[in-house]
Amino acid sequence: MLYMIAAFVFLVLGLVFLLKPDLVWHITEEWKSYSSGDPSNLYLLSVRIGGVFLLIIAVAAAIIPFLPD
């Protein structure tokens, strides 16, 4: 059961990171910036790559309970 909860959390986070990296920037980084500009392309790319890794972890967490001991 714990693996499924973790898979769901990683799935949601991964999708947000992948599809809405600017939202992640607004929540986590905008308040640290002196200028109110947009996030850099490198930041957006790195957040999207992180989202892909989170989706991979979500799939792994969903599969683990079904693997034989």
PDB file of N, CA and C in Angstrom:
ATOM      1  N   MET A   1       0.823  -1.194   0.000  1.00  0.00           N
ATOM      2  CA  MET A   1       0.000   0.000   0.000  1.00  0.00           C
ATOM      3  C   MET A   1       0.872   1.265   0.000  1.00  0.00           C
ATOM      4  N   LEU A   2       1.948   1.228   0.762  1.00  0.00           N
ATOM      5  CA  LEU A   2       2.837   2.386   0.841  1.00  0.00           C
ATOM      6  C   LEU A   2       3.478   2.679  -0.511  1.00  0.00           C
ATOM      7  N   TYR A   3       3.815   1.621  -1.258  1.00  0.00           N
ATOM      8  CA  TYR A   3       4.399   1.822  -2.582  1.00  0.00           C
ATOM      9  C   TYR A   3       3.423   2.506  -3.536  1.00  0.00           C
ATOM     10  N   MET A   4       2.154   2.174  -3.421  1.00  0.00           N
ATOM     11  CA  MET A   4       1.154   2.788  -4.296  1.00  0.00           C
ATOM     12  C   MET A   4       0.954   4.266  -3.965  1.00  0.00           C
ATOM     13  N   ILE A   5       0.993   4.594  -2.684  1.00  0.00           N
ATOM     14  CA  ILE A   5       0.894   6.005  -2.288  1.00  0.00           C
ATOM     15  C   ILE A   5       2.108   6.770  -2.809  1.00  0.00           C
ATOM     16  N   ALA A   6       3.286   6.189  -2.643  1.00  0.00           N
ATOM     17  CA  ALA A   6       4.504   6.823  -3.147  1.00  0.00           C
ATOM     18  C   ALA A   6       4.453   6.964  -4.667  1.00  0.00           C
ATOM     19  N   ALA A   7       3.962   5.936  -5.352  1.00  0.00           N
ATOM     20  CA  ALA A   7       3.853   5.990  -6.808  1.00  0.00           C
ATOM     21  C   ALA A   7       2.920   7.116  -7.232  1.00  0.00           C
ATOM     22  N   PHE A   8       1.819   7.276  -6.533  1.00  0.00           N
ATOM     23  CA  PHE A   8       0.873   8.340  -6.857  1.00  0.00           C
ATOM     24  C   PHE A   8       1.495   9.721  -6.639  1.00  0.00           C
ATOM     25  N   VAL A   9       2.187   9.897  -5.519  1.00  0.00           N
ATOM     26  CA  VAL A   9       2.824  11.183  -5.220  1.00  0.00           C
ATOM     27  C   VAL A   9       3.888  11.499  -6.271  1.00  0.00           C
ATOM     28  N   PHE A  10       4.738  10.525  -6.599  1.00  0.00           N
ATOM     29  CA  PHE A  10       5.769  10.746  -7.608  1.00  0.00           C
ATOM     30  C   PHE A  10       5.156  10.991  -8.985  1.00  0.00           C
ATOM     31  N   LEU A  11       4.058  10.324  -9.280  1.00  0.00           N
ATOM     32  CA  LEU A  11       3.376  10.529 -10.556  1.00  0.00           C
ATOM     33  C   LEU A  11       2.851  11.956 -10.674  1.00  0.00           C
ATOM     34  N   VAL A  12       2.186  12.432  -9.639  1.00  0.00           N
ATOM     35  CA  VAL A  12       1.642  13.789  -9.667  1.00  0.00           C
ATOM     36  C   VAL A  12       2.767  14.816  -9.758  1.00  0.00           C
ATOM     37  N   LEU A  13       3.801  14.660  -8.928  1.00  0.00           N
ATOM     38  CA  LEU A  13       4.926  15.593  -8.969  1.00  0.00           C
ATOM     39  C   LEU A  13       5.633  15.548 -10.319  1.00  0.00           C
ATOM     40  N   GLY A  14       5.837  14.354 -10.850  1.00  0.00           N
ATOM     41  CA  GLY A  14       6.493  14.218 -12.136  1.00  0.00           C
ATOM     42  C   GLY A  14       5.722  14.891 -13.256  1.00  0.00           C
ATOM     43  N   LEU A  15       4.411  14.735 -13.248  1.00  0.00           N
ATOM     44  CA  LEU A  15       3.587  15.372 -14.281  1.00  0.00           C
ATOM     45  C   LEU A  15       3.612  16.888 -14.152  1.00  0.00           C
ATOM     46  N   VAL A  16       3.554  17.389 -12.924  1.00  0.00           N
ATOM     47  CA  VAL A  16       3.624  18.842 -12.729  1.00  0.00           C
ATOM     48  C   VAL A  16       4.979  19.366 -13.178  1.00  0.00           C
ATOM     49  N   PHE A  17       6.059  18.683 -12.785  1.00  0.00           N
ATOM     50  CA  PHE A  17       7.399  19.118 -13.190  1.00  0.00           C
ATOM     51  C   PHE A  17       7.548  19.077 -14.708  1.00  0.00           C
ATOM     52  N   LEU A  18       6.986  18.066 -15.342  1.00  0.00           N
ATOM     53  CA  LEU A  18       7.130  17.906 -16.782  1.00  0.00           C
ATOM     54  C   LEU A  18       6.250  18.877 -17.567  1.00  0.00           C
ATOM     55  N   LEU A  19       5.017  19.057 -17.134  1.00  0.00           N
ATOM     56  CA  LEU A  19       4.064  19.843 -17.909  1.00  0.00           C
ATOM     57  C   LEU A  19       3.992  21.316 -17.500  1.00  0.00           C
ATOM     58  N   LYS A  20       4.304  21.622 -16.251  1.00  0.00           N
ATOM     59  CA  LYS A  20       4.192  23.000 -15.753  1.00  0.00           C
ATOM     60  C   LYS A  20       5.451  23.424 -14.998  1.00  0.00           C
ATOM     61  N   PRO A  21       6.619  23.445 -15.648  1.00  0.00           N
ATOM     62  CA  PRO A  21       7.832  23.833 -14.926  1.00  0.00           C
ATOM     63  C   PRO A  21       7.811  25.294 -14.468  1.00  0.00           C
ATOM     64  N   ASP A  22       7.065  26.144 -15.189  1.00  0.00           N
ATOM     65  CA  ASP A  22       6.970  27.540 -14.759  1.00  0.00           C
ATOM     66  C   ASP A  22       6.210  27.668 -13.443  1.00  0.00           C
ATOM     67  N   LEU A  23       5.230  26.800 -13.194  1.00  0.00           N
ATOM     68  CA  LEU A  23       4.517  26.786 -11.918  1.00  0.00           C
ATOM     69  C   LEU A  23       5.466  26.401 -10.782  1.00  0.00           C
ATOM     70  N   VAL A  24       6.336  25.426 -11.042  1.00  0.00           N
ATOM     71  CA  VAL A  24       7.328  25.028 -10.047  1.00  0.00           C
ATOM     72  C   VAL A  24       8.246  26.205  -9.740  1.00  0.00           C
ATOM     73  N   TRP A  25       8.631  26.955 -10.768  1.00  0.00           N
ATOM     74  CA  TRP A  25       9.478  28.124 -10.564  1.00  0.00           C
ATOM     75  C   TRP A  25       8.775  29.185  -9.728  1.00  0.00           C
ATOM     76  N   HIS A  26       7.498  29.425 -10.028  1.00  0.00           N
ATOM     77  CA  HIS A  26       6.743  30.426  -9.272  1.00  0.00           C
ATOM     78  C   HIS A  26       6.622  30.033  -7.800  1.00  0.00           C
ATOM     79  N   ILE A  27       6.464  28.771  -7.518  1.00  0.00           N
ATOM     80  CA  ILE A  27       6.306  28.315  -6.140  1.00  0.00           C
ATOM     81  C   ILE A  27       7.638  28.293  -5.395  1.00  0.00           C
ATOM     82  N   THR A  28       8.698  27.855  -6.056  1.00  0.00           N
ATOM     83  CA  THR A  28       9.948  27.600  -5.331  1.00  0.00           C
ATOM     84  C   THR A  28      11.023  28.647  -5.509  1.00  0.00           C
ATOM     85  N   GLU A  29      11.072  29.340  -6.631  1.00  0.00           N
ATOM     86  CA  GLU A  29      12.224  30.190  -6.924  1.00  0.00           C
ATOM     87  C   GLU A  29      11.904  31.670  -7.124  1.00  0.00           C
ATOM     88  N   GLU A  30      10.699  32.016  -7.465  1.00  0.00           N
ATOM     89  CA  GLU A  30      10.397  33.397  -7.823  1.00  0.00           C
ATOM     90  C   GLU A  30      10.679  34.356  -6.666  1.00  0.00           C
ATOM     91  N   TRP A  31      10.369  33.960  -5.470  1.00  0.00           N
ATOM     92  CA  TRP A  31      10.560  34.835  -4.322  1.00  0.00           C
ATOM     93  C   TRP A  31      12.037  35.093  -4.029  1.00  0.00           C
ATOM     94  N   LYS A  32      12.934  34.282  -4.571  1.00  0.00           N
ATOM     95  CA  LYS A  32      14.367  34.456  -4.367  1.00  0.00           C
ATOM     96  C   LYS A  32      14.979  35.435  -5.375  1.00  0.00           C
ATOM     97  N   SER A  33      14.251  35.772  -6.420  1.00  0.00           N
ATOM     98  CA  SER A  33      14.782  36.578  -7.513  1.00  0.00           C
ATOM     99  C   SER A  33      14.541  38.064  -7.251  1.00  0.00           C
ATOM    100  N   TYR A  34      15.569  38.880  -7.501  1.00  0.00           N
ATOM    101  CA  TYR A  34      15.420  40.327  -7.372  1.00  0.00           C
ATOM    102  C   TYR A  34      14.613  40.900  -8.523  1.00  0.00           C
ATOM    103  N   SER A  35      14.806  40.371  -9.692  1.00  0.00           N
ATOM    104  CA  SER A  35      14.014  40.810 -10.835  1.00  0.00           C
ATOM    105  C   SER A  35      12.816  39.884 -10.978  1.00  0.00           C
ATOM    106  N   SER A  36      11.756  40.406 -11.503  1.00  0.00           N
ATOM    107  CA  SER A  36      10.543  39.583 -11.637  1.00  0.00           C
ATOM    108  C   SER A  36      10.455  38.973 -13.027  1.00  0.00           C
ATOM    109  N   GLY A  37      11.599  38.551 -13.563  1.00  0.00           N
ATOM    110  CA  GLY A  37      11.625  37.947 -14.889  1.00  0.00           C
ATOM    111  C   GLY A  37      11.131  36.515 -14.865  1.00  0.00           C
ATOM    112  N   ASP A  38      11.128  35.942 -16.026  1.00  0.00           N
ATOM    113  CA  ASP A  38      10.715  34.554 -16.171  1.00  0.00           C
ATOM    114  C   ASP A  38      11.889  33.626 -15.905  1.00  0.00           C
ATOM    115  N   PRO A  39      11.616  32.340 -15.668  1.00  0.00           N
ATOM    116  CA  PRO A  39      12.715  31.394 -15.464  1.00  0.00           C
ATOM    117  C   PRO A  39      13.525  31.209 -16.751  1.00  0.00           C
ATOM    118  N   SER A  40      14.782  30.853 -16.587  1.00  0.00           N
ATOM    119  CA  SER A  40      15.632  30.640 -17.757  1.00  0.00           C
ATOM    120  C   SER A  40      15.259  29.341 -18.462  1.00  0.00           C
ATOM    121  N   ASN A  41      15.667  29.234 -19.694  1.00  0.00           N
ATOM    122  CA  ASN A  41      15.408  28.009 -20.458  1.00  0.00           C
ATOM    123  C   ASN A  41      16.120  26.813 -19.835  1.00  0.00           C
ATOM    124  N   LEU A  42      17.321  27.043 -19.290  1.00  0.00           N
ATOM    125  CA  LEU A  42      18.047  25.964 -18.636  1.00  0.00           C
ATOM    126  C   LEU A  42      17.298  25.468 -17.399  1.00  0.00           C
ATOM    127  N   TYR A  43      16.714  26.377 -16.633  1.00  0.00           N
ATOM    128  CA  TYR A  43      15.930  25.980 -15.465  1.00  0.00           C
ATOM    129  C   TYR A  43      14.722  25.148 -15.898  1.00  0.00           C
ATOM    130  N   LEU A  44      14.019  25.609 -16.909  1.00  0.00           N
ATOM    131  CA  LEU A  44      12.839  24.877 -17.385  1.00  0.00           C
ATOM    132  C   LEU A  44      13.221  23.482 -17.869  1.00  0.00           C
ATOM    133  N   LEU A  45      14.341  23.379 -18.589  1.00  0.00           N
ATOM    134  CA  LEU A  45      14.796  22.083 -19.077  1.00  0.00           C
ATOM    135  C   LEU A  45      15.167  21.168 -17.925  1.00  0.00           C
ATOM    136  N   SER A  46      15.875  21.690 -16.926  1.00  0.00           N
ATOM    137  CA  SER A  46      16.298  20.842 -15.806  1.00  0.00           C
ATOM    138  C   SER A  46      15.107  20.372 -14.979  1.00  0.00           C
ATOM    139  N   VAL A  47      14.088  21.211 -14.833  1.00  0.00           N
ATOM    140  CA  VAL A  47      12.886  20.799 -14.100  1.00  0.00           C
ATOM    141  C   VAL A  47      12.141  19.726 -14.882  1.00  0.00           C
ATOM    142  N   ARG A  48      12.084  19.868 -16.197  1.00  0.00           N
ATOM    143  CA  ARG A  48      11.424  18.844 -17.016  1.00  0.00           C
ATOM    144  C   ARG A  48      12.171  17.510 -16.953  1.00  0.00           C
ATOM    145  N   ILE A  49      13.494  17.559 -16.971  1.00  0.00           N
ATOM    146  CA  ILE A  49      14.282  16.331 -16.840  1.00  0.00           C
ATOM    147  C   ILE A  49      14.034  15.693 -15.475  1.00  0.00           C
ATOM    148  N   GLY A  50      13.963  16.518 -14.439  1.00  0.00           N
ATOM    149  CA  GLY A  50      13.618  16.001 -13.113  1.00  0.00           C
ATOM    150  C   GLY A  50      12.242  15.364 -13.101  1.00  0.00           C
ATOM    151  N   GLY A  51      11.303  15.938 -13.843  1.00  0.00           N
ATOM    152  CA  GLY A  51       9.965  15.356 -13.938  1.00  0.00           C
ATOM    153  C   GLY A  51       9.976  13.990 -14.595  1.00  0.00           C
ATOM    154  N   VAL A  52      10.823  13.814 -15.601  1.00  0.00           N
ATOM    155  CA  VAL A  52      10.951  12.496 -16.245  1.00  0.00           C
ATOM    156  C   VAL A  52      11.488  11.475 -15.250  1.00  0.00           C
ATOM    157  N   PHE A  53      12.500  11.870 -14.466  1.00  0.00           N
ATOM    158  CA  PHE A  53      13.032  10.953 -13.461  1.00  0.00           C
ATOM    159  C   PHE A  53      11.985  10.606 -12.405  1.00  0.00           C
ATOM    160  N   LEU A  54      11.179  11.579 -12.003  1.00  0.00           N
ATOM    161  CA  LEU A  54      10.118  11.294 -11.036  1.00  0.00           C
ATOM    162  C   LEU A  54       9.081  10.332 -11.618  1.00  0.00           C
ATOM    163  N   LEU A  55       8.783  10.455 -12.903  1.00  0.00           N
ATOM    164  CA  LEU A  55       7.844   9.523 -13.533  1.00  0.00           C
ATOM    165  C   LEU A  55       8.428   8.114 -13.589  1.00  0.00           C
ATOM    166  N   ILE A  56       9.724   8.002 -13.829  1.00  0.00           N
ATOM    167  CA  ILE A  56      10.379   6.687 -13.822  1.00  0.00           C
ATOM    168  C   ILE A  56      10.308   6.077 -12.428  1.00  0.00           C
ATOM    169  N   ILE A  57      10.539   6.883 -11.402  1.00  0.00           N
ATOM    170  CA  ILE A  57      10.452   6.401 -10.025  1.00  0.00           C
ATOM    171  C   ILE A  57       9.019   5.983  -9.707  1.00  0.00           C
ATOM    172  N   ALA A  58       8.033   6.720 -10.212  1.00  0.00           N
ATOM    173  CA  ALA A  58       6.634   6.370  -9.977  1.00  0.00           C
ATOM    174  C   ALA A  58       6.292   5.021 -10.586  1.00  0.00           C
ATOM    175  N   VAL A  59       6.769   4.772 -11.791  1.00  0.00           N
ATOM    176  CA  VAL A  59       6.524   3.475 -12.432  1.00  0.00           C
ATOM    177  C   VAL A  59       7.200   2.359 -11.645  1.00  0.00           C
ATOM    178  N   ALA A  60       8.423   2.596 -11.201  1.00  0.00           N
ATOM    179  CA  ALA A  60       9.136   1.584 -10.414  1.00  0.00           C
ATOM    180  C   ALA A  60       8.414   1.308  -9.104  1.00  0.00           C
ATOM    181  N   ALA A  61       7.931   2.353  -8.440  1.00  0.00           N
ATOM    182  CA  ALA A  61       7.217   2.159  -7.178  1.00  0.00           C
ATOM    183  C   ALA A  61       5.899   1.417  -7.379  1.00  0.00           C
ATOM    184  N   ALA A  62       5.289   1.584  -8.537  1.00  0.00           N
ATOM    185  CA  ALA A  62       4.035   0.872  -8.821  1.00  0.00           C
ATOM    186  C   ALA A  62       4.283  -0.589  -9.157  1.00  0.00           C
ATOM    187  N   ILE A  63       5.465  -0.908  -9.698  1.00  0.00           N
ATOM    188  CA  ILE A  63       5.774  -2.278 -10.096  1.00  0.00           C
ATOM    189  C   ILE A  63       6.336  -3.110  -8.952  1.00  0.00           C
ATOM    190  N   ILE A  64       7.025  -2.501  -8.023  1.00  0.00           N
ATOM    191  CA  ILE A  64       7.718  -3.223  -6.940  1.00  0.00           C
ATOM    192  C   ILE A  64       6.801  -4.196  -6.189  1.00  0.00           C
ATOM    193  N   PRO A  65       5.569  -3.826  -5.828  1.00  0.00           N
ATOM    194  CA  PRO A  65       4.746  -4.800  -5.076  1.00  0.00           C
ATOM    195  C   PRO A  65       4.422  -6.075  -5.856  1.00  0.00           C
ATOM    196  N   PHE A  66       4.530  -6.027  -7.168  1.00  0.00           N
ATOM    197  CA  PHE A  66       4.171  -7.176  -7.971  1.00  0.00           C
ATOM    198  C   PHE A  66       5.352  -8.091  -8.307  1.00  0.00           C
ATOM    199  N   LEU A  67       6.551  -7.683  -7.897  1.00  0.00           N
ATOM    200  CA  LEU A  67       7.732  -8.505  -8.142  1.00  0.00           C
ATOM    201  C   LEU A  67       7.807  -9.648  -7.130  1.00  0.00           C
ATOM    202  N   PRO A  68       8.276 -10.797  -7.554  1.00  0.00           N
ATOM    203  CA  PRO A  68       8.386 -11.918  -6.604  1.00  0.00           C
ATOM    204  C   PRO A  68       9.507 -11.654  -5.596  1.00  0.00           C
ATOM    205  N   ASP A  69       9.351 -12.237  -4.428  1.00  0.00           N
ATOM    206  CA  ASP A  69      10.375 -12.061  -3.386  1.00  0.00           C
ATOM    207  C   ASP A  69      11.594 -12.785  -3.683  1.00  0.00           C
TER     208      ASP A  69
END
